C-alpha cells in the first residue's frame, strides 16, 4: 500500500465517523427540540466544529432529512402494512394509528408532517406520497360504506396538525394521550355516526399557511 493510499483511508474513515456522530446527535436533538433545533448544539454534542457539520450537511434540511431517515422508513413500513389490510375500516384505522404513533415518538417528525419545503423535490415526493396514501385508505373505506362520505383528506390533515399540538402539550405528562383522542376521532369518522357538518373542509388554498406550512 502506498503512503497516499494509507493516509486516504484513515481520512475517509475519520470523516465517516464524524458524519455518524453528527447524525446521532441530530436525531437526539431534532427528536426533542423539533426541526428548529440548534445546529451549534448538534455540532457540539457530536464533538465537531460547526464548519464540519456544514461540510457534511450544507443545509439544515439536508441534515434533517438524513436524521429523519429511520423515522421515515418506520412510517413507510407501517403504512405499507396498513394499506395491505383487507378490511377497509381496519386499514384506515391502522394507517392513522401508525402515523400518529411515529408522530408522537419524534418531535422532528411531528414538525415535518406539518410543513412543506418548497423547492426540495425529495420532501415534496414524501409529502405527495402521504397524500396518495391518505386518499387510498380513505376512499377505500368510504366506498365500503365504513367511513362517512363527507370526510376529506383536508380533514385528516387538520387532525394531524391538531394531534401535533396535543403531542407537544402532553409529551411529558401524558405521552400516550394521543391514543384516546385518535379513538374518539375514529368513532366520529364512522359512517353510522355521520350528521350534517356546519362547515366545509379546508380548500387547497386555505390549507396553505403564510409561514410555509401546508397540507400534505
Protein backbone atom coordinates (compact mmCIF):
# COMPACT_ATOMS: atom_id res chain seq x y z
CA UNK A 1 0.00 0.00 0.00
CA UNK A 2 1.35 3.44 -0.90
CA UNK A 3 1.66 6.21 1.65
CA UNK A 4 -1.08 8.17 -0.17
CA UNK A 5 -3.48 5.24 -0.05
CA UNK A 6 -2.66 4.68 3.60
CA UNK A 7 -3.47 8.26 4.55
CA UNK A 8 -6.62 8.49 2.41
CA UNK A 9 -8.32 5.52 4.04
CA UNK A 10 -7.97 6.78 7.64
CA UNK A 11 -9.19 10.19 6.48
CA UNK A 12 -12.25 8.63 4.86
CA UNK A 13 -12.83 6.57 8.00
CA UNK A 14 -12.49 9.64 10.20
CA UNK A 15 -14.91 11.57 8.00
CA UNK A 16 -17.45 8.75 8.21
CA UNK A 17 -17.12 8.63 11.98
CA UNK A 18 -17.71 12.38 12.22
CA UNK A 19 -20.76 12.07 9.97
CA UNK A 20 -22.12 9.23 12.10
CA UNK A 21 -21.66 11.28 15.27
CA UNK A 22 -23.42 14.22 13.68
CA UNK A 23 -26.38 12.07 12.65
CA UNK A 24 -26.66 10.52 16.11
CA UNK A 25 -26.58 13.96 17.74
CA UNK A 26 -29.05 15.37 15.20
CA UNK A 27 -31.52 12.54 15.77
CA UNK A 28 -31.45 13.16 19.50
CA UNK A 29 -31.77 16.93 19.19
CA UNK A 30 -34.44 17.00 16.47
CA UNK A 31 -36.48 14.40 18.36
CA UNK A 32 -36.51 16.60 21.47
CA UNK A 33 -36.48 20.13 20.03
CA UNK A 34 -38.07 19.76 16.59
CA UNK A 35 -36.86 20.91 13.19
CA UNK A 36 -35.61 24.26 14.54
CA UNK A 37 -33.11 22.58 16.88
CA UNK A 38 -29.79 24.35 17.35
CA UNK A 39 -27.22 23.22 14.79
CA UNK A 40 -24.47 24.59 17.01
CA UNK A 41 -25.62 22.31 19.81
CA UNK A 42 -25.73 19.34 17.46
CA UNK A 43 -22.16 20.04 16.34
CA UNK A 44 -21.04 20.44 19.95
CA UNK A 45 -22.71 17.19 21.03
CA UNK A 46 -21.01 15.44 18.11
CA UNK A 47 -17.64 16.92 19.18
CA UNK A 48 -17.08 18.64 15.83
CA UNK A 49 -16.85 22.23 14.66
CA UNK A 50 -19.90 23.85 13.09
CA UNK A 51 -17.94 24.12 9.85
CA UNK A 52 -17.58 20.33 9.83
CA UNK A 53 -21.34 19.99 10.16
CA UNK A 54 -21.87 22.21 7.12
CA UNK A 55 -19.28 20.31 5.10
CA UNK A 56 -21.26 17.13 5.62
CA UNK A 57 -24.72 18.73 5.50
CA UNK A 58 -24.72 22.06 3.65
CA UNK A 59 -28.25 22.99 4.81
CA UNK A 60 -30.46 22.34 7.82
CA UNK A 61 -32.83 20.43 5.55
CA UNK A 62 -30.02 18.13 4.39
CA UNK A 63 -29.27 17.25 8.00
CA UNK A 64 -32.95 16.93 8.92
CA UNK A 65 -33.71 14.51 6.09
CA UNK A 66 -30.69 12.37 6.89
CA UNK A 67 -31.59 12.34 10.59
CA UNK A 68 -35.25 11.51 9.95
CA UNK A 69 -34.49 8.66 7.55
CA UNK A 70 -35.08 5.90 10.15
CA UNK A 71 -38.38 7.51 11.24
CA UNK A 72 -39.50 7.89 7.65
CA UNK A 73 -38.64 4.26 6.97
CA UNK A 74 -40.57 3.22 10.10
CA UNK A 75 -43.57 5.25 8.93
CA UNK A 76 -43.44 3.90 5.37
CA UNK A 77 -43.16 0.28 6.55
CA UNK A 78 -46.16 0.68 8.85
CA UNK A 79 -48.14 2.45 6.13
CA UNK A 80 -47.49 -0.34 3.65
CA UNK A 81 -48.75 -2.90 6.16
CA UNK A 82 -51.90 -0.85 6.75
CA UNK A 83 -52.56 -0.48 3.03
CA UNK A 84 -52.46 -4.28 2.67
CA UNK A 85 -55.09 -4.94 5.35
CA UNK A 86 -58.11 -6.49 3.65
CA UNK A 87 -60.79 -4.88 5.81
CA UNK A 88 -61.19 -1.23 4.63
CA UNK A 89 -62.03 0.15 8.07
CA UNK A 90 -59.19 -1.70 9.78
CA UNK A 91 -56.78 -0.48 7.12
CA UNK A 92 -57.94 3.11 7.58
CA UNK A 93 -57.63 2.94 11.36
CA UNK A 94 -54.25 1.17 11.20
CA UNK A 95 -52.86 3.81 8.83
CA UNK A 96 -53.78 6.64 11.20
CA UNK A 97 -52.56 4.78 14.28
CA UNK A 98 -49.19 4.12 12.65
CA UNK A 99 -48.91 7.75 11.52
CA UNK A 100 -49.72 9.17 14.96
CA UNK A 101 -47.51 6.67 16.77
CA UNK A 102 -44.46 7.74 14.78
CA UNK A 103 -45.53 11.37 15.09
CA UNK A 104 -45.69 11.06 18.89
CA UNK A 105 -42.26 9.46 19.10
CA UNK A 106 -40.25 12.22 17.45
CA UNK A 107 -40.83 15.97 17.60
CA UNK A 108 -38.78 16.49 14.46
CA UNK A 109 -41.00 14.09 12.52
CA UNK A 110 -44.03 15.76 14.10
CA UNK A 111 -42.85 19.12 12.73
CA UNK A 112 -42.00 17.57 9.36
CA UNK A 113 -45.60 16.40 8.93
CA UNK A 114 -46.93 19.94 9.28
CA UNK A 115 -44.56 21.73 6.92
CA UNK A 116 -43.73 21.85 3.26
CA UNK A 117 -40.27 22.72 2.00
CA UNK A 118 -40.76 24.43 -1.39
CA UNK A 119 -38.07 23.78 -3.90
CA UNK A 120 -36.94 20.46 -2.42
CA UNK A 121 -38.00 17.63 -4.70
CA UNK A 122 -37.31 14.91 -2.12
CA UNK A 123 -39.56 16.34 0.58
CA UNK A 124 -42.26 17.10 -1.99
CA UNK A 125 -42.23 13.46 -3.10
CA UNK A 126 -42.57 12.31 0.52
CA UNK A 127 -45.50 14.61 1.21
CA UNK A 128 -47.17 13.81 -2.11
CA UNK A 129 -46.88 10.09 -1.39
CA UNK A 130 -48.53 10.66 2.00
CA UNK A 131 -51.37 12.46 0.21
CA UNK A 132 -51.86 9.48 -2.06
CA UNK A 133 -51.82 7.06 0.86
CA UNK A 134 -54.42 9.07 2.77
CA UNK A 135 -56.60 9.23 -0.34
CA UNK A 136 -56.23 5.48 -0.87
CA UNK A 137 -57.20 4.35 2.64
CA UNK A 138 -59.95 6.96 2.93
CA UNK A 139 -61.54 6.30 -0.46
CA UNK A 140 -61.48 2.54 0.05
CA UNK A 141 -63.18 2.83 3.44
CA UNK A 142 -65.77 5.26 2.07
CA UNK A 143 -66.56 3.05 -0.91
CA UNK A 144 -67.14 0.18 1.51
CA UNK A 145 -69.59 2.34 3.45
CA UNK A 146 -67.47 2.28 6.60
CA UNK A 147 -66.33 5.93 6.75
CA UNK A 148 -68.64 8.92 6.48
CA UNK A 149 -68.89 10.10 2.89
CA UNK A 150 -68.21 13.77 3.63
CA UNK A 151 -64.77 13.18 5.19
CA UNK A 152 -61.96 14.64 3.09
CA UNK A 153 -58.16 14.48 3.03
CA UNK A 154 -58.07 18.04 4.37
CA UNK A 155 -59.93 16.83 7.47
CA UNK A 156 -57.26 14.20 8.08
CA UNK A 157 -54.51 16.78 7.60
CA UNK A 158 -56.24 19.08 10.09
CA UNK A 159 -56.31 16.16 12.52
CA UNK A 160 -52.55 15.67 12.00
CA UNK A 161 -51.98 19.35 12.82
CA UNK A 162 -54.11 19.26 15.96
CA UNK A 163 -52.59 15.97 17.07
CA UNK A 164 -49.15 17.52 16.70
CA UNK A 165 -50.08 20.35 19.06
CA UNK A 166 -51.58 17.92 21.56
CA UNK A 167 -48.47 15.73 21.45
CA UNK A 168 -46.32 18.75 22.24
CA UNK A 169 -48.59 19.75 25.14
CA UNK A 170 -48.74 16.27 26.72
CA UNK A 171 -45.27 14.97 25.84
CA UNK A 172 -44.01 14.78 29.43
CA UNK A 173 -47.19 14.40 31.48
CA UNK A 174 -49.31 12.05 29.35
CA UNK A 175 -47.33 10.85 26.30
CA UNK A 176 -49.92 8.23 25.32
CA UNK A 177 -52.96 10.56 25.41
CA UNK A 178 -52.96 10.73 21.59
CA UNK A 179 -54.37 7.21 21.56
CA UNK A 180 -57.55 8.31 23.34
CA UNK A 181 -58.03 11.26 21.01
CA UNK A 182 -57.50 9.11 17.93
CA UNK A 183 -60.05 6.56 19.17
CA UNK A 184 -62.57 9.36 19.73
CA UNK A 185 -61.98 10.74 16.24
CA UNK A 186 -62.25 7.32 14.64
CA UNK A 187 -65.67 6.94 16.23
CA UNK A 188 -66.61 10.32 14.78
CA UNK A 189 -65.48 9.16 11.33
CA UNK A 190 -67.71 6.08 11.24
CA UNK A 191 -70.40 6.25 8.57
CA UNK A 192 -73.15 5.30 11.02
CA UNK A 193 -72.26 8.26 13.25
CA UNK A 194 -72.49 10.84 10.48
CA UNK A 195 -74.51 14.02 10.96
CA UNK A 196 -74.51 17.14 8.77
CA UNK A 197 -71.46 19.34 9.32
CA UNK A 198 -71.73 23.13 9.74
CA UNK A 199 -68.63 23.99 7.65
CA UNK A 200 -66.99 22.56 4.51
CA UNK A 201 -63.46 21.11 4.60
CA UNK A 202 -60.48 23.37 4.01
CA UNK A 203 -59.75 24.16 0.39
CA UNK A 204 -56.27 23.74 -1.05
CA UNK A 205 -55.72 27.49 -0.76
CA UNK A 206 -56.96 27.65 2.84
CA UNK A 207 -54.70 24.77 3.86
CA UNK A 208 -51.55 26.66 2.81
CA UNK A 209 -50.30 28.95 5.53
CA UNK A 210 -48.28 32.11 5.11
CA UNK A 211 -45.46 30.66 7.20
CA UNK A 212 -44.94 27.91 4.64
CA UNK A 213 -46.92 25.23 6.46
CA UNK A 214 -49.21 23.44 4.08
CA UNK A 215 -51.43 20.46 3.80
CA UNK A 216 -49.95 17.21 2.54
